[in-house]
Amino acid sequence: MREINFRAWAELAQEMIEDIANVKAYQSQGFYLMQYTGLLDKNGREIYEGDIIRGTKKLVVDDKLTTLKRLFVCEYSNEFARFSL
């Protein structure tokens, strides 16, 4: 079973607050909450909802395999009930 962790972005202070214990207290104060996805990046750091991730996407164009480098935003999809890029 994965951990359910949150962190919060404090817009006024321009800082990230890690390991939120009392989610309701931060919600009522207008912080932007981000949930841990249960995934780690290649450096072993936790990936949270709203993180921007640099990656590649492979496509076949004119019978050639093409690799595109781009940025992805980690978001929760209600349609598929999962985090996706």
N, C-alpha and C. Protein backbone atom coordinates (compact mmCIF):
# COMPACT_ATOMS: atom_id res chain seq x y z
N MET A 1 0.84 -1.18 0.00
CA MET A 1 0.00 0.00 0.00
C MET A 1 0.89 1.24 0.00
N ARG A 2 0.53 2.23 -0.79
CA ARG A 2 1.37 3.42 -0.90
C ARG A 2 1.05 4.41 0.21
N GLU A 3 2.05 5.25 0.49
CA GLU A 3 1.88 6.30 1.47
C GLU A 3 0.99 7.40 0.91
N ILE A 4 0.21 8.02 1.78
CA ILE A 4 -0.57 9.18 1.36
C ILE A 4 0.06 10.39 2.05
N ASN A 5 0.83 11.13 1.27
CA ASN A 5 1.53 12.32 1.77
C ASN A 5 1.05 13.53 1.00
N PHE A 6 1.17 14.69 1.64
CA PHE A 6 0.84 15.95 1.00
C PHE A 6 1.96 16.95 1.25
N ARG A 7 2.06 17.91 0.35
CA ARG A 7 2.89 19.08 0.58
C ARG A 7 2.05 20.28 0.13
N ALA A 8 2.45 21.47 0.55
CA ALA A 8 1.66 22.66 0.24
C ALA A 8 2.55 23.76 -0.30
N TRP A 9 2.02 24.50 -1.27
CA TRP A 9 2.72 25.66 -1.82
C TRP A 9 2.11 26.91 -1.18
N ALA A 10 2.97 27.69 -0.52
CA ALA A 10 2.55 28.94 0.10
C ALA A 10 2.80 30.07 -0.90
N GLU A 11 1.75 30.53 -1.53
CA GLU A 11 1.88 31.53 -2.60
C GLU A 11 2.50 32.83 -2.10
N LEU A 12 2.05 33.34 -0.97
CA LEU A 12 2.56 34.62 -0.46
C LEU A 12 4.04 34.53 -0.09
N ALA A 13 4.44 33.45 0.55
CA ALA A 13 5.83 33.30 0.98
C ALA A 13 6.72 32.72 -0.13
N GLN A 14 6.10 32.22 -1.20
CA GLN A 14 6.82 31.60 -2.31
C GLN A 14 7.72 30.46 -1.82
N GLU A 15 7.12 29.55 -1.01
CA GLU A 15 7.89 28.41 -0.51
C GLU A 15 7.03 27.16 -0.43
N MET A 16 7.71 26.01 -0.48
CA MET A 16 7.05 24.72 -0.39
C MET A 16 7.14 24.23 1.05
N ILE A 17 6.02 23.75 1.57
CA ILE A 17 5.98 23.16 2.92
C ILE A 17 5.81 21.67 2.74
N GLU A 18 6.78 20.90 3.20
CA GLU A 18 6.79 19.44 3.01
C GLU A 18 6.09 18.72 4.16
N ASP A 19 5.67 17.48 3.89
CA ASP A 19 5.10 16.57 4.90
C ASP A 19 3.98 17.20 5.72
N ILE A 20 2.88 17.52 5.07
CA ILE A 20 1.73 18.13 5.74
C ILE A 20 1.00 17.08 6.55
N ALA A 21 0.80 17.35 7.82
CA ALA A 21 0.08 16.41 8.69
C ALA A 21 -1.40 16.74 8.76
N ASN A 22 -1.74 18.03 8.86
CA ASN A 22 -3.12 18.46 9.01
C ASN A 22 -3.58 19.15 7.72
N VAL A 23 -4.10 18.36 6.80
CA VAL A 23 -4.49 18.87 5.48
C VAL A 23 -5.58 19.93 5.59
N LYS A 24 -6.56 19.73 6.46
CA LYS A 24 -7.68 20.67 6.57
C LYS A 24 -7.21 22.06 6.99
N ALA A 25 -6.22 22.14 7.85
CA ALA A 25 -5.71 23.44 8.30
C ALA A 25 -5.11 24.21 7.12
N TYR A 26 -4.43 23.52 6.25
CA TYR A 26 -3.82 24.19 5.09
C TYR A 26 -4.85 24.53 4.02
N GLN A 27 -5.87 23.68 3.87
CA GLN A 27 -6.93 23.97 2.90
C GLN A 27 -7.67 25.25 3.26
N SER A 28 -7.97 25.42 4.53
CA SER A 28 -8.75 26.57 4.96
C SER A 28 -7.94 27.87 4.88
N GLN A 29 -6.62 27.78 4.80
CA GLN A 29 -5.79 28.97 4.73
C GLN A 29 -5.39 29.33 3.30
N GLY A 30 -5.91 28.59 2.31
CA GLY A 30 -5.69 28.95 0.91
C GLY A 30 -4.37 28.48 0.32
N PHE A 31 -3.73 27.50 0.92
CA PHE A 31 -2.51 26.94 0.34
C PHE A 31 -2.89 26.02 -0.82
N TYR A 32 -1.98 25.85 -1.76
CA TYR A 32 -2.19 24.92 -2.87
C TYR A 32 -1.62 23.57 -2.44
N LEU A 33 -2.50 22.57 -2.21
CA LEU A 33 -2.08 21.24 -1.75
C LEU A 33 -1.76 20.32 -2.91
N MET A 34 -0.72 19.52 -2.74
CA MET A 34 -0.31 18.54 -3.76
C MET A 34 -0.17 17.18 -3.10
N GLN A 35 -0.80 16.16 -3.69
CA GLN A 35 -0.75 14.80 -3.15
C GLN A 35 0.39 14.02 -3.78
N TYR A 36 1.05 13.21 -2.97
CA TYR A 36 2.12 12.31 -3.44
C TYR A 36 1.51 11.24 -4.34
N THR A 37 2.13 10.98 -5.49
CA THR A 37 1.59 10.02 -6.46
C THR A 37 1.97 8.58 -6.16
N GLY A 38 2.95 8.38 -5.30
CA GLY A 38 3.44 7.03 -5.04
C GLY A 38 4.59 6.67 -5.96
N LEU A 39 4.99 7.60 -6.84
CA LEU A 39 6.07 7.36 -7.79
C LEU A 39 7.31 8.16 -7.41
N LEU A 40 8.45 7.66 -7.84
CA LEU A 40 9.72 8.35 -7.63
C LEU A 40 10.35 8.68 -8.97
N ASP A 41 11.08 9.79 -9.05
CA ASP A 41 11.78 10.11 -10.28
C ASP A 41 13.10 9.33 -10.35
N LYS A 42 13.89 9.55 -11.40
CA LYS A 42 15.12 8.77 -11.57
C LYS A 42 16.15 9.05 -10.48
N ASN A 43 15.99 10.15 -9.75
CA ASN A 43 16.90 10.49 -8.66
C ASN A 43 16.37 10.05 -7.29
N GLY A 44 15.23 9.36 -7.28
CA GLY A 44 14.66 8.87 -6.04
C GLY A 44 13.81 9.88 -5.29
N ARG A 45 13.49 11.01 -5.92
CA ARG A 45 12.65 12.02 -5.28
C ARG A 45 11.18 11.73 -5.55
N GLU A 46 10.34 12.01 -4.56
CA GLU A 46 8.90 11.78 -4.69
C GLU A 46 8.30 12.71 -5.75
N ILE A 47 7.35 12.18 -6.53
CA ILE A 47 6.64 12.96 -7.53
C ILE A 47 5.26 13.29 -6.96
N TYR A 48 4.92 14.58 -6.95
CA TYR A 48 3.64 15.05 -6.43
C TYR A 48 2.77 15.58 -7.56
N GLU A 49 1.46 15.60 -7.30
CA GLU A 49 0.51 16.20 -8.23
C GLU A 49 0.92 17.64 -8.50
N GLY A 50 0.95 18.04 -9.77
CA GLY A 50 1.33 19.39 -10.14
C GLY A 50 2.80 19.53 -10.49
N ASP A 51 3.62 18.50 -10.23
CA ASP A 51 5.04 18.56 -10.59
C ASP A 51 5.19 18.60 -12.11
N ILE A 52 6.20 19.30 -12.56
CA ILE A 52 6.53 19.35 -13.98
C ILE A 52 7.69 18.39 -14.21
N ILE A 53 7.51 17.48 -15.17
CA ILE A 53 8.46 16.40 -15.39
C ILE A 53 8.97 16.47 -16.83
N ARG A 54 10.28 16.42 -16.99
CA ARG A 54 10.88 16.40 -18.33
C ARG A 54 10.94 14.94 -18.77
N GLY A 55 10.45 14.67 -19.97
CA GLY A 55 10.46 13.31 -20.46
C GLY A 55 10.49 13.24 -21.97
N THR A 56 10.35 12.04 -22.47
CA THR A 56 10.33 11.82 -23.92
C THR A 56 9.08 11.05 -24.30
N LYS A 57 8.66 11.26 -25.53
CA LYS A 57 7.52 10.54 -26.07
C LYS A 57 7.93 10.03 -27.44
N LYS A 58 7.71 8.74 -27.67
CA LYS A 58 8.10 8.14 -28.95
C LYS A 58 6.87 8.02 -29.85
N LEU A 59 7.03 8.48 -31.08
CA LEU A 59 5.97 8.44 -32.09
C LEU A 59 6.51 7.86 -33.38
N VAL A 60 5.63 7.28 -34.16
CA VAL A 60 6.00 6.83 -35.50
C VAL A 60 5.44 7.84 -36.49
N VAL A 61 6.34 8.50 -37.23
CA VAL A 61 5.97 9.50 -38.22
C VAL A 61 6.61 9.10 -39.54
N ASP A 62 5.79 8.92 -40.58
CA ASP A 62 6.28 8.50 -41.90
C ASP A 62 7.14 7.24 -41.80
N ASP A 63 6.66 6.26 -41.06
CA ASP A 63 7.35 4.98 -40.87
C ASP A 63 8.71 5.11 -40.19
N LYS A 64 8.94 6.22 -39.51
CA LYS A 64 10.18 6.41 -38.75
C LYS A 64 9.83 6.63 -37.29
N LEU A 65 10.63 6.03 -36.42
CA LEU A 65 10.45 6.24 -34.99
C LEU A 65 11.08 7.58 -34.61
N THR A 66 10.28 8.47 -34.06
CA THR A 66 10.73 9.80 -33.67
C THR A 66 10.58 9.95 -32.17
N THR A 67 11.58 10.52 -31.53
CA THR A 67 11.53 10.77 -30.10
C THR A 67 11.43 12.27 -29.85
N LEU A 68 10.38 12.66 -29.15
CA LEU A 68 10.17 14.07 -28.82
C LEU A 68 10.50 14.29 -27.35
N LYS A 69 11.26 15.34 -27.07
CA LYS A 69 11.53 15.72 -25.69
C LYS A 69 10.53 16.82 -25.32
N ARG A 70 9.89 16.67 -24.17
CA ARG A 70 8.92 17.68 -23.75
C ARG A 70 8.73 17.68 -22.25
N LEU A 71 7.95 18.64 -21.76
CA LEU A 71 7.62 18.74 -20.35
C LEU A 71 6.20 18.25 -20.14
N PHE A 72 5.98 17.52 -19.05
CA PHE A 72 4.67 16.99 -18.70
C PHE A 72 4.30 17.51 -17.32
N VAL A 73 3.01 17.69 -17.07
CA VAL A 73 2.52 18.07 -15.74
C VAL A 73 1.80 16.86 -15.17
N CYS A 74 2.16 16.48 -13.96
CA CYS A 74 1.53 15.35 -13.30
C CYS A 74 0.17 15.79 -12.75
N GLU A 75 -0.91 15.17 -13.25
CA GLU A 75 -2.26 15.55 -12.86
C GLU A 75 -3.07 14.29 -12.54
N TYR A 76 -4.07 14.46 -11.68
CA TYR A 76 -4.97 13.35 -11.37
C TYR A 76 -6.10 13.34 -12.38
N SER A 77 -6.39 12.17 -12.92
CA SER A 77 -7.46 12.01 -13.89
C SER A 77 -8.65 11.31 -13.23
N ASN A 78 -9.77 12.01 -13.08
CA ASN A 78 -10.97 11.39 -12.52
C ASN A 78 -11.52 10.31 -13.46
N GLU A 79 -11.36 10.53 -14.76
CA GLU A 79 -11.86 9.58 -15.75
C GLU A 79 -11.21 8.20 -15.59
N PHE A 80 -9.89 8.19 -15.35
CA PHE A 80 -9.16 6.93 -15.23
C PHE A 80 -8.80 6.59 -13.80
N ALA A 81 -9.15 7.47 -12.84
CA ALA A 81 -8.87 7.27 -11.40
C ALA A 81 -7.39 6.97 -11.16
N ARG A 82 -6.53 7.83 -11.72
CA ARG A 82 -5.09 7.66 -11.54
C ARG A 82 -4.37 8.96 -11.86
N PHE A 83 -3.11 9.02 -11.44
CA PHE A 83 -2.27 10.14 -11.83
C PHE A 83 -1.71 9.86 -13.21
N SER A 84 -1.62 10.89 -14.04
CA SER A 84 -1.08 10.70 -15.38
C SER A 84 -0.34 11.94 -15.82
N LEU A 85 0.43 11.77 -16.90
CA LEU A 85 1.19 12.88 -17.46
C LEU A 85 0.54 13.35 -18.73
